[in-house]
């Protein structure tokens, strides 16, 4: 059991996540994440067909206030 926790400590956190994971972490809907991406408040990286959101993008989003209403 101790060796499992040692292995888990050495595995780095993911640098990016899916839109669903980002919505879950922020506590908002997937539609809200889509709006934040469309308004350029949340950066994305595309790898093939996958849309990934960098972890530091979530952190910078939370440093400021951002409206989700379309202008």
N, C-alpha and C. Protein backbone atom coordinates (compact mmCIF):
# COMPACT_ATOMS: atom_id res chain seq x y z
N UNK A 1 0.82 -1.19 0.00
CA UNK A 1 0.00 0.00 0.00
C UNK A 1 0.87 1.25 0.00
N UNK A 2 1.94 1.25 0.76
CA UNK A 2 2.82 2.41 0.81
C UNK A 2 3.50 2.64 -0.53
N UNK A 3 3.81 1.57 -1.24
CA UNK A 3 4.47 1.73 -2.53
C UNK A 3 3.51 2.34 -3.56
N UNK A 4 2.21 2.07 -3.45
CA UNK A 4 1.23 2.67 -4.36
C UNK A 4 1.16 4.18 -4.18
N UNK A 5 1.19 4.64 -2.94
CA UNK A 5 1.14 6.08 -2.70
C UNK A 5 2.42 6.75 -3.15
N UNK A 6 3.56 6.05 -3.05
CA UNK A 6 4.83 6.61 -3.52
C UNK A 6 4.80 6.78 -5.04
N UNK A 7 4.22 5.83 -5.73
CA UNK A 7 4.10 5.92 -7.19
C UNK A 7 3.17 7.06 -7.55
N UNK A 8 2.05 7.21 -6.85
CA UNK A 8 1.09 8.27 -7.13
C UNK A 8 1.72 9.64 -6.92
N UNK A 9 2.62 9.77 -5.97
CA UNK A 9 3.27 11.05 -5.71
C UNK A 9 4.23 11.43 -6.84
N UNK A 10 4.79 10.44 -7.52
CA UNK A 10 5.75 10.72 -8.58
C UNK A 10 5.09 11.01 -9.92
N UNK A 11 3.83 10.66 -10.08
CA UNK A 11 3.12 10.91 -11.34
C UNK A 11 2.72 12.38 -11.36
N UNK A 12 3.19 13.15 -12.36
CA UNK A 12 2.85 14.58 -12.41
C UNK A 12 1.39 14.79 -12.76
N UNK A 13 0.86 15.95 -12.35
CA UNK A 13 -0.51 16.30 -12.71
C UNK A 13 -0.57 16.54 -14.22
N UNK A 14 -1.73 16.30 -14.77
CA UNK A 14 -1.91 16.55 -16.20
C UNK A 14 -1.75 18.05 -16.47
N UNK A 15 -1.09 18.38 -17.55
CA UNK A 15 -0.89 19.78 -17.92
C UNK A 15 -2.12 20.39 -18.55
N UNK A 16 -3.00 19.54 -19.10
CA UNK A 16 -4.21 20.02 -19.75
C UNK A 16 -5.33 19.03 -19.50
N UNK A 17 -6.56 19.49 -19.71
CA UNK A 17 -7.73 18.64 -19.46
C UNK A 17 -8.79 18.88 -20.52
N UNK A 18 -9.74 17.99 -20.56
CA UNK A 18 -10.86 18.13 -21.51
C UNK A 18 -11.81 19.22 -21.03
N UNK A 19 -12.72 19.62 -21.93
CA UNK A 19 -13.72 20.63 -21.55
C UNK A 19 -14.62 20.12 -20.44
N UNK A 20 -14.94 18.84 -20.47
CA UNK A 20 -15.81 18.25 -19.44
C UNK A 20 -15.10 18.30 -18.08
N UNK A 21 -13.81 17.94 -18.06
CA UNK A 21 -13.06 17.99 -16.81
C UNK A 21 -12.92 19.42 -16.30
N UNK A 22 -12.69 20.36 -17.21
CA UNK A 22 -12.58 21.76 -16.82
C UNK A 22 -13.89 22.26 -16.22
N UNK A 23 -15.01 21.90 -16.84
CA UNK A 23 -16.32 22.31 -16.32
C UNK A 23 -16.53 21.74 -14.93
N UNK A 24 -16.16 20.49 -14.75
CA UNK A 24 -16.31 19.83 -13.45
C UNK A 24 -15.43 20.53 -12.40
N UNK A 25 -14.20 20.86 -12.76
CA UNK A 25 -13.30 21.52 -11.81
C UNK A 25 -13.78 22.92 -11.45
N UNK A 26 -14.36 23.62 -12.42
CA UNK A 26 -14.85 24.97 -12.16
C UNK A 26 -16.23 24.98 -11.50
N UNK A 27 -16.94 23.87 -11.60
CA UNK A 27 -18.29 23.80 -11.04
C UNK A 27 -19.30 24.52 -11.90
N UNK A 28 -19.07 24.50 -13.22
CA UNK A 28 -19.99 25.15 -14.16
C UNK A 28 -20.41 24.14 -15.22
N UNK A 29 -21.32 24.56 -16.08
CA UNK A 29 -21.78 23.67 -17.14
C UNK A 29 -20.78 23.64 -18.30
N UNK A 30 -20.91 22.63 -19.12
CA UNK A 30 -20.09 22.52 -20.32
C UNK A 30 -20.37 23.70 -21.25
N UNK A 31 -21.60 24.15 -21.32
CA UNK A 31 -21.97 25.31 -22.14
C UNK A 31 -21.23 26.56 -21.67
N UNK A 32 -21.08 26.73 -20.37
CA UNK A 32 -20.35 27.89 -19.85
C UNK A 32 -18.88 27.83 -20.26
N UNK A 33 -18.30 26.65 -20.23
CA UNK A 33 -16.91 26.49 -20.69
C UNK A 33 -16.83 26.84 -22.17
N UNK A 34 -17.79 26.39 -22.97
CA UNK A 34 -17.81 26.73 -24.40
C UNK A 34 -17.89 28.24 -24.60
N UNK A 35 -18.71 28.92 -23.79
CA UNK A 35 -18.82 30.37 -23.90
C UNK A 35 -17.51 31.06 -23.54
N UNK A 36 -16.87 30.60 -22.48
CA UNK A 36 -15.58 31.18 -22.08
C UNK A 36 -14.52 31.00 -23.16
N UNK A 37 -14.55 29.86 -23.82
CA UNK A 37 -13.61 29.62 -24.92
C UNK A 37 -13.93 30.55 -26.09
N UNK A 38 -15.21 30.68 -26.44
CA UNK A 38 -15.62 31.52 -27.57
C UNK A 38 -15.27 32.99 -27.33
N UNK A 39 -15.34 33.43 -26.08
CA UNK A 39 -15.03 34.82 -25.74
C UNK A 39 -13.54 35.04 -25.46
N UNK A 40 -12.74 33.99 -25.68
CA UNK A 40 -11.28 34.06 -25.50
C UNK A 40 -10.87 34.30 -24.04
N UNK A 41 -11.74 33.94 -23.10
CA UNK A 41 -11.39 34.03 -21.68
C UNK A 41 -10.68 32.77 -21.21
N UNK A 42 -10.82 31.70 -21.96
CA UNK A 42 -10.22 30.42 -21.60
C UNK A 42 -9.46 29.89 -22.81
N UNK A 43 -8.15 29.74 -22.69
CA UNK A 43 -7.35 29.27 -23.83
C UNK A 43 -7.54 27.78 -24.07
N UNK A 44 -7.40 27.38 -25.30
CA UNK A 44 -7.47 25.95 -25.66
C UNK A 44 -6.30 25.59 -26.55
N UNK A 45 -5.98 24.32 -26.55
CA UNK A 45 -4.99 23.76 -27.45
C UNK A 45 -5.65 22.58 -28.13
N UNK A 46 -5.46 22.46 -29.42
CA UNK A 46 -6.06 21.36 -30.16
C UNK A 46 -4.98 20.36 -30.54
N UNK A 47 -5.24 19.12 -30.22
CA UNK A 47 -4.37 18.02 -30.61
C UNK A 47 -5.22 17.06 -31.42
N UNK A 48 -5.11 17.16 -32.73
CA UNK A 48 -6.00 16.38 -33.57
C UNK A 48 -7.42 16.86 -33.37
N UNK A 49 -8.29 15.95 -33.00
CA UNK A 49 -9.70 16.30 -32.76
C UNK A 49 -9.97 16.68 -31.31
N UNK A 50 -8.98 16.47 -30.45
CA UNK A 50 -9.17 16.77 -29.03
C UNK A 50 -8.99 18.24 -28.75
N UNK A 51 -9.84 18.78 -27.89
CA UNK A 51 -9.72 20.15 -27.41
C UNK A 51 -9.28 20.06 -25.97
N UNK A 52 -8.11 20.62 -25.68
CA UNK A 52 -7.56 20.56 -24.33
C UNK A 52 -7.43 21.96 -23.76
N UNK A 53 -7.69 22.06 -22.48
CA UNK A 53 -7.59 23.34 -21.78
C UNK A 53 -6.40 23.25 -20.83
N UNK A 54 -5.40 24.11 -21.01
CA UNK A 54 -4.24 24.08 -20.12
C UNK A 54 -4.64 24.40 -18.67
N UNK A 55 -4.04 23.70 -17.74
CA UNK A 55 -4.33 23.91 -16.32
C UNK A 55 -4.07 25.37 -15.91
N UNK A 56 -2.99 25.96 -16.43
CA UNK A 56 -2.71 27.35 -16.06
C UNK A 56 -3.73 28.32 -16.65
N UNK A 57 -4.43 27.92 -17.71
CA UNK A 57 -5.51 28.73 -18.25
C UNK A 57 -6.68 28.84 -17.29
N UNK A 58 -6.97 27.74 -16.59
CA UNK A 58 -8.02 27.77 -15.56
C UNK A 58 -7.61 28.67 -14.41
N UNK A 59 -6.34 28.58 -14.03
CA UNK A 59 -5.86 29.39 -12.92
C UNK A 59 -5.91 30.87 -13.25
N UNK A 60 -5.53 31.24 -14.47
CA UNK A 60 -5.58 32.66 -14.84
C UNK A 60 -7.03 33.14 -14.97
N UNK A 61 -7.92 32.28 -15.41
CA UNK A 61 -9.34 32.63 -15.48
C UNK A 61 -9.87 32.98 -14.10
N UNK A 62 -9.48 32.22 -13.10
CA UNK A 62 -9.99 32.42 -11.75
C UNK A 62 -9.37 33.63 -11.04
N UNK A 63 -8.33 34.19 -11.61
CA UNK A 63 -7.71 35.38 -11.01
C UNK A 63 -8.52 36.65 -11.27
N UNK A 64 -9.42 36.62 -12.24
CA UNK A 64 -10.20 37.80 -12.57
C UNK A 64 -11.66 37.49 -12.74
N UNK A 65 -12.47 38.53 -12.85
CA UNK A 65 -13.90 38.34 -13.08
C UNK A 65 -14.17 38.38 -14.57
N UNK A 66 -14.99 37.45 -15.05
CA UNK A 66 -15.29 37.36 -16.47
C UNK A 66 -16.79 37.12 -16.64
N UNK A 67 -17.41 37.95 -17.44
CA UNK A 67 -18.82 37.77 -17.76
C UNK A 67 -18.96 36.66 -18.80
N UNK A 68 -20.01 35.88 -18.70
CA UNK A 68 -20.24 34.81 -19.70
C UNK A 68 -21.35 35.20 -20.67
N UNK A 69 -21.87 36.41 -20.57
CA UNK A 69 -22.91 36.85 -21.51
C UNK A 69 -22.28 37.25 -22.83
N UNK A 70 -22.93 36.90 -23.92
CA UNK A 70 -22.45 37.30 -25.24
C UNK A 70 -22.66 38.80 -25.41
N UNK A 71 -21.69 39.45 -25.97
CA UNK A 71 -21.78 40.92 -26.13
C UNK A 71 -22.64 41.31 -27.30
